Amino acid sequence: MTKTPGEVERFKPMTKVVRDAHKAFRQVDAEKAVTEHEIVQKAFSVNRERLKAERLAREAELVKGK
């Protein structure tokens, strides 16, 4: 059935099965987002520590060279 311009589509209430399915998908998506965030945070932290170590090594070379 197609709508004509100006016609309002009737409200179709969600069934319990559909609500439960949406809830399950939201939980899976939330867990996935948290996992992805933790992976990104860990990679960022590792990279920051690597850069810090490189900077400290350069600074130690400068002090040693004087």
PDB file of N, CA and C in Angstrom:
ATOM      1  N   MET A   1       0.847  -1.181   0.000  1.00  0.00           N
ATOM      2  CA  MET A   1       0.000   0.000   0.000  1.00  0.00           C
ATOM      3  C   MET A   1       0.884   1.232   0.000  1.00  0.00           C
ATOM      4  N   THR A   2       0.643   2.133  -0.920  1.00  0.00           N
ATOM      5  CA  THR A   2       1.424   3.357  -0.986  1.00  0.00           C
ATOM      6  C   THR A   2       0.620   4.508  -0.414  1.00  0.00           C
ATOM      7  N   LYS A   3       1.326   5.464   0.146  1.00  0.00           N
ATOM      8  CA  LYS A   3       0.667   6.633   0.721  1.00  0.00           C
ATOM      9  C   LYS A   3       0.495   7.692  -0.351  1.00  0.00           C
ATOM     10  N   THR A   4      -0.569   8.417  -0.238  1.00  0.00           N
ATOM     11  CA  THR A   4      -0.743   9.588  -1.091  1.00  0.00           C
ATOM     12  C   THR A   4      -0.208  10.785  -0.321  1.00  0.00           C
ATOM     13  N   PRO A   5       0.155  11.867  -0.989  1.00  0.00           N
ATOM     14  CA  PRO A   5       0.662  13.045  -0.275  1.00  0.00           C
ATOM     15  C   PRO A   5      -0.347  13.529   0.767  1.00  0.00           C
ATOM     16  N   GLY A   6       0.166  13.791   1.960  1.00  0.00           N
ATOM     17  CA  GLY A   6      -0.674  14.267   3.042  1.00  0.00           C
ATOM     18  C   GLY A   6      -1.300  13.160   3.870  1.00  0.00           C
ATOM     19  N   GLU A   7      -1.194  11.929   3.425  1.00  0.00           N
ATOM     20  CA  GLU A   7      -1.763  10.814   4.163  1.00  0.00           C
ATOM     21  C   GLU A   7      -0.791  10.408   5.276  1.00  0.00           C
ATOM     22  N   VAL A   8      -1.325  10.131   6.424  1.00  0.00           N
ATOM     23  CA  VAL A   8      -0.513   9.753   7.576  1.00  0.00           C
ATOM     24  C   VAL A   8      -0.534   8.233   7.709  1.00  0.00           C
ATOM     25  N   GLU A   9       0.649   7.673   7.922  1.00  0.00           N
ATOM     26  CA  GLU A   9       0.750   6.223   8.084  1.00  0.00           C
ATOM     27  C   GLU A   9       0.271   5.841   9.478  1.00  0.00           C
ATOM     28  N   ARG A  10      -0.466   4.766   9.569  1.00  0.00           N
ATOM     29  CA  ARG A  10      -0.997   4.326  10.851  1.00  0.00           C
ATOM     30  C   ARG A  10       0.137   3.854  11.759  1.00  0.00           C
ATOM     31  N   PHE A  11      -0.029   4.088  13.035  1.00  0.00           N
ATOM     32  CA  PHE A  11       0.952   3.672  14.043  1.00  0.00           C
ATOM     33  C   PHE A  11       0.920   2.158  14.187  1.00  0.00           C
ATOM     34  N   LYS A  12       2.099   1.546  14.130  1.00  0.00           N
ATOM     35  CA  LYS A  12       2.202   0.105  14.308  1.00  0.00           C
ATOM     36  C   LYS A  12       3.000  -0.134  15.586  1.00  0.00           C
ATOM     37  N   PRO A  13       2.341  -0.578  16.648  1.00  0.00           N
ATOM     38  CA  PRO A  13       3.076  -0.797  17.900  1.00  0.00           C
ATOM     39  C   PRO A  13       4.079  -1.933  17.746  1.00  0.00           C
ATOM     40  N   MET A  14       5.193  -1.797  18.467  1.00  0.00           N
ATOM     41  CA  MET A  14       6.216  -2.842  18.447  1.00  0.00           C
ATOM     42  C   MET A  14       5.749  -4.031  19.269  1.00  0.00           C
ATOM     43  N   THR A  15       6.083  -5.193  18.794  1.00  0.00           N
ATOM     44  CA  THR A  15       5.755  -6.383  19.566  1.00  0.00           C
ATOM     45  C   THR A  15       6.879  -6.647  20.565  1.00  0.00           C
ATOM     46  N   LYS A  16       6.622  -7.477  21.538  1.00  0.00           N
ATOM     47  CA  LYS A  16       7.626  -7.804  22.543  1.00  0.00           C
ATOM     48  C   LYS A  16       8.848  -8.447  21.892  1.00  0.00           C
ATOM     49  N   VAL A  17       8.635  -9.270  20.884  1.00  0.00           N
ATOM     50  CA  VAL A  17       9.739  -9.942  20.203  1.00  0.00           C
ATOM     51  C   VAL A  17      10.650  -8.917  19.537  1.00  0.00           C
ATOM     52  N   VAL A  18      10.056  -7.926  18.885  1.00  0.00           N
ATOM     53  CA  VAL A  18      10.846  -6.899  18.203  1.00  0.00           C
ATOM     54  C   VAL A  18      11.607  -6.062  19.234  1.00  0.00           C
ATOM     55  N   ARG A  19      10.946  -5.691  20.338  1.00  0.00           N
ATOM     56  CA  ARG A  19      11.618  -4.924  21.396  1.00  0.00           C
ATOM     57  C   ARG A  19      12.794  -5.704  21.974  1.00  0.00           C
ATOM     58  N   ASP A  20      12.590  -6.988  22.240  1.00  0.00           N
ATOM     59  CA  ASP A  20      13.663  -7.827  22.787  1.00  0.00           C
ATOM     60  C   ASP A  20      14.829  -7.942  21.801  1.00  0.00           C
ATOM     61  N   ALA A  21      14.514  -8.049  20.523  1.00  0.00           N
ATOM     62  CA  ALA A  21      15.571  -8.126  19.506  1.00  0.00           C
ATOM     63  C   ALA A  21      16.372  -6.832  19.476  1.00  0.00           C
ATOM     64  N   HIS A  22      15.684  -5.687  19.505  1.00  0.00           N
ATOM     65  CA  HIS A  22      16.378  -4.395  19.517  1.00  0.00           C
ATOM     66  C   HIS A  22      17.269  -4.274  20.757  1.00  0.00           C
ATOM     67  N   LYS A  23      16.759  -4.721  21.888  1.00  0.00           N
ATOM     68  CA  LYS A  23      17.524  -4.659  23.133  1.00  0.00           C
ATOM     69  C   LYS A  23      18.794  -5.504  23.034  1.00  0.00           C
ATOM     70  N   ALA A  24      18.669  -6.699  22.477  1.00  0.00           N
ATOM     71  CA  ALA A  24      19.828  -7.580  22.328  1.00  0.00           C
ATOM     72  C   ALA A  24      20.868  -6.954  21.401  1.00  0.00           C
ATOM     73  N   PHE A  25      20.413  -6.382  20.293  1.00  0.00           N
ATOM     74  CA  PHE A  25      21.348  -5.746  19.366  1.00  0.00           C
ATOM     75  C   PHE A  25      22.028  -4.541  19.998  1.00  0.00           C
ATOM     76  N   ARG A  26      21.285  -3.758  20.793  1.00  0.00           N
ATOM     77  CA  ARG A  26      21.890  -2.599  21.470  1.00  0.00           C
ATOM     78  C   ARG A  26      22.983  -3.050  22.428  1.00  0.00           C
ATOM     79  N   GLN A  27      22.730  -4.142  23.164  1.00  0.00           N
ATOM     80  CA  GLN A  27      23.732  -4.642  24.109  1.00  0.00           C
ATOM     81  C   GLN A  27      24.992  -5.092  23.383  1.00  0.00           C
ATOM     82  N   VAL A  28      24.836  -5.790  22.271  1.00  0.00           N
ATOM     83  CA  VAL A  28      25.990  -6.261  21.499  1.00  0.00           C
ATOM     84  C   VAL A  28      26.754  -5.072  20.939  1.00  0.00           C
ATOM     85  N   ASP A  29      26.035  -4.070  20.405  1.00  0.00           N
ATOM     86  CA  ASP A  29      26.686  -2.880  19.866  1.00  0.00           C
ATOM     87  C   ASP A  29      27.437  -2.121  20.949  1.00  0.00           C
ATOM     88  N   ALA A  30      26.854  -2.030  22.136  1.00  0.00           N
ATOM     89  CA  ALA A  30      27.508  -1.326  23.240  1.00  0.00           C
ATOM     90  C   ALA A  30      28.786  -2.047  23.656  1.00  0.00           C
ATOM     91  N   GLU A  31      28.739  -3.370  23.746  1.00  0.00           N
ATOM     92  CA  GLU A  31      29.931  -4.137  24.114  1.00  0.00           C
ATOM     93  C   GLU A  31      31.015  -3.987  23.051  1.00  0.00           C
ATOM     94  N   LYS A  32      30.610  -3.988  21.803  1.00  0.00           N
ATOM     95  CA  LYS A  32      31.566  -3.833  20.702  1.00  0.00           C
ATOM     96  C   LYS A  32      32.217  -2.452  20.757  1.00  0.00           C
ATOM     97  N   ALA A  33      31.424  -1.429  21.034  1.00  0.00           N
ATOM     98  CA  ALA A  33      31.954  -0.067  21.109  1.00  0.00           C
ATOM     99  C   ALA A  33      32.944   0.065  22.260  1.00  0.00           C
ATOM    100  N   VAL A  34      32.633  -0.532  23.394  1.00  0.00           N
ATOM    101  CA  VAL A  34      33.537  -0.476  24.547  1.00  0.00           C
ATOM    102  C   VAL A  34      34.841  -1.190  24.208  1.00  0.00           C
ATOM    103  N   THR A  35      34.755  -2.351  23.580  1.00  0.00           N
ATOM    104  CA  THR A  35      35.948  -3.107  23.211  1.00  0.00           C
ATOM    105  C   THR A  35      36.808  -2.311  22.239  1.00  0.00           C
ATOM    106  N   GLU A  36      36.184  -1.715  21.231  1.00  0.00           N
ATOM    107  CA  GLU A  36      36.938  -0.904  20.265  1.00  0.00           C
ATOM    108  C   GLU A  36      37.605   0.273  20.957  1.00  0.00           C
ATOM    109  N   HIS A  37      36.893   0.905  21.888  1.00  0.00           N
ATOM    110  CA  HIS A  37      37.456   2.047  22.617  1.00  0.00           C
ATOM    111  C   HIS A  37      38.667   1.613  23.442  1.00  0.00           C
ATOM    112  N   GLU A  38      38.565   0.469  24.097  1.00  0.00           N
ATOM    113  CA  GLU A  38      39.685  -0.026  24.901  1.00  0.00           C
ATOM    114  C   GLU A  38      40.896  -0.322  24.020  1.00  0.00           C
ATOM    115  N   ILE A  39      40.682  -0.881  22.837  1.00  0.00           N
ATOM    116  CA  ILE A  39      41.782  -1.175  21.916  1.00  0.00           C
ATOM    117  C   ILE A  39      42.468   0.111  21.482  1.00  0.00           C
ATOM    118  N   VAL A  40      41.677   1.117  21.141  1.00  0.00           N
ATOM    119  CA  VAL A  40      42.230   2.400  20.704  1.00  0.00           C
ATOM    120  C   VAL A  40      42.989   3.060  21.847  1.00  0.00           C
ATOM    121  N   GLN A  41      42.427   3.024  23.056  1.00  0.00           N
ATOM    122  CA  GLN A  41      43.094   3.629  24.204  1.00  0.00           C
ATOM    123  C   GLN A  41      44.430   2.942  24.498  1.00  0.00           C
ATOM    124  N   LYS A  42      44.464   1.622  24.394  1.00  0.00           N
ATOM    125  CA  LYS A  42      45.699   0.882  24.653  1.00  0.00           C
ATOM    126  C   LYS A  42      46.757   1.227  23.609  1.00  0.00           C
ATOM    127  N   ALA A  43      46.351   1.284  22.332  1.00  0.00           N
ATOM    128  CA  ALA A  43      47.293   1.638  21.261  1.00  0.00           C
ATOM    129  C   ALA A  43      47.828   3.049  21.474  1.00  0.00           C
ATOM    130  N   PHE A  44      46.955   3.967  21.870  1.00  0.00           N
ATOM    131  CA  PHE A  44      47.374   5.341  22.128  1.00  0.00           C
ATOM    132  C   PHE A  44      48.390   5.383  23.268  1.00  0.00           C
ATOM    133  N   SER A  45      48.114   4.648  24.335  1.00  0.00           N
ATOM    134  CA  SER A  45      48.999   4.634  25.494  1.00  0.00           C
ATOM    135  C   SER A  45      50.367   4.049  25.141  1.00  0.00           C
ATOM    136  N   VAL A  46      50.372   2.956  24.392  1.00  0.00           N
ATOM    137  CA  VAL A  46      51.637   2.334  23.980  1.00  0.00           C
ATOM    138  C   VAL A  46      52.444   3.300  23.124  1.00  0.00           C
ATOM    139  N   ASN A  47      51.790   3.962  22.192  1.00  0.00           N
ATOM    140  CA  ASN A  47      52.482   4.908  21.312  1.00  0.00           C
ATOM    141  C   ASN A  47      53.024   6.087  22.116  1.00  0.00           C
ATOM    142  N   ARG A  48      52.234   6.606  23.072  1.00  0.00           N
ATOM    143  CA  ARG A  48      52.676   7.723  23.907  1.00  0.00           C
ATOM    144  C   ARG A  48      53.912   7.337  24.716  1.00  0.00           C
ATOM    145  N   GLU A  49      53.908   6.136  25.282  1.00  0.00           N
ATOM    146  CA  GLU A  49      55.060   5.674  26.059  1.00  0.00           C
ATOM    147  C   GLU A  49      56.293   5.503  25.174  1.00  0.00           C
ATOM    148  N   ARG A  50      56.096   5.005  23.957  1.00  0.00           N
ATOM    149  CA  ARG A  50      57.218   4.853  23.024  1.00  0.00           C
ATOM    150  C   ARG A  50      57.821   6.214  22.690  1.00  0.00           C
ATOM    151  N   LEU A  51      56.964   7.178  22.390  1.00  0.00           N
ATOM    152  CA  LEU A  51      57.441   8.523  22.061  1.00  0.00           C
ATOM    153  C   LEU A  51      58.136   9.177  23.258  1.00  0.00           C
ATOM    154  N   LYS A  52      57.616   8.941  24.446  1.00  0.00           N
ATOM    155  CA  LYS A  52      58.233   9.488  25.651  1.00  0.00           C
ATOM    156  C   LYS A  52      59.635   8.915  25.841  1.00  0.00           C
ATOM    157  N   ALA A  53      59.767   7.606  25.641  1.00  0.00           N
ATOM    158  CA  ALA A  53      61.072   6.961  25.784  1.00  0.00           C
ATOM    159  C   ALA A  53      62.055   7.512  24.759  1.00  0.00           C
ATOM    160  N   GLU A  54      61.599   7.709  23.520  1.00  0.00           N
ATOM    161  CA  GLU A  54      62.474   8.276  22.484  1.00  0.00           C
ATOM    162  C   GLU A  54      62.897   9.698  22.845  1.00  0.00           C
ATOM    163  N   ARG A  55      61.968  10.484  23.360  1.00  0.00           N
ATOM    164  CA  ARG A  55      62.297  11.863  23.745  1.00  0.00           C
ATOM    165  C   ARG A  55      63.302  11.877  24.890  1.00  0.00           C
ATOM    166  N   LEU A  56      63.099  11.037  25.888  1.00  0.00           N
ATOM    167  CA  LEU A  56      64.031  10.988  27.017  1.00  0.00           C
ATOM    168  C   LEU A  56      65.417  10.534  26.566  1.00  0.00           C
ATOM    169  N   ALA A  57      65.478   9.608  25.611  1.00  0.00           N
ATOM    170  CA  ALA A  57      66.765   9.156  25.089  1.00  0.00           C
ATOM    171  C   ALA A  57      67.477  10.302  24.356  1.00  0.00           C
ATOM    172  N   ARG A  58      66.724  11.066  23.572  1.00  0.00           N
ATOM    173  CA  ARG A  58      67.327  12.211  22.873  1.00  0.00           C
ATOM    174  C   ARG A  58      67.836  13.246  23.859  1.00  0.00           C
ATOM    175  N   GLU A  59      67.035  13.515  24.898  1.00  0.00           N
ATOM    176  CA  GLU A  59      67.452  14.493  25.903  1.00  0.00           C
ATOM    177  C   GLU A  59      68.693  14.008  26.654  1.00  0.00           C
ATOM    178  N   ALA A  60      68.770  12.716  26.927  1.00  0.00           N
ATOM    179  CA  ALA A  60      69.942  12.176  27.625  1.00  0.00           C
ATOM    180  C   ALA A  60      71.185  12.305  26.746  1.00  0.00           C
ATOM    181  N   GLU A  61      71.044  12.106  25.450  1.00  0.00           N
ATOM    182  CA  GLU A  61      72.169  12.279  24.515  1.00  0.00           C
ATOM    183  C   GLU A  61      72.629  13.729  24.504  1.00  0.00           C
ATOM    184  N   LEU A  62      71.697  14.665  24.548  1.00  0.00           N
ATOM    185  CA  LEU A  62      72.061  16.080  24.552  1.00  0.00           C
ATOM    186  C   LEU A  62      72.834  16.431  25.806  1.00  0.00           C
ATOM    187  N   VAL A  63      72.381  15.930  26.945  1.00  0.00           N
ATOM    188  CA  VAL A  63      73.049  16.220  28.215  1.00  0.00           C
ATOM    189  C   VAL A  63      74.426  15.562  28.236  1.00  0.00           C
ATOM    190  N   LYS A  64      74.514  14.337  27.716  1.00  0.00           N
ATOM    191  CA  LYS A  64      75.775  13.625  27.690  1.00  0.00           C
ATOM    192  C   LYS A  64      76.766  14.317  26.757  1.00  0.00           C
ATOM    193  N   GLY A  65      76.276  14.881  25.675  1.00  0.00           N
ATOM    194  CA  GLY A  65      77.135  15.522  24.685  1.00  0.00           C
ATOM    195  C   GLY A  65      77.718  16.858  25.144  1.00  0.00           C
ATOM    196  N   LYS A  66      77.157  17.492  26.132  1.00  0.00           N
ATOM    197  CA  LYS A  66      77.643  18.810  26.589  1.00  0.00           C
ATOM    198  C   LYS A  66      78.867  18.692  27.425  1.00  0.00           C
TER     199      LYS A  66
END
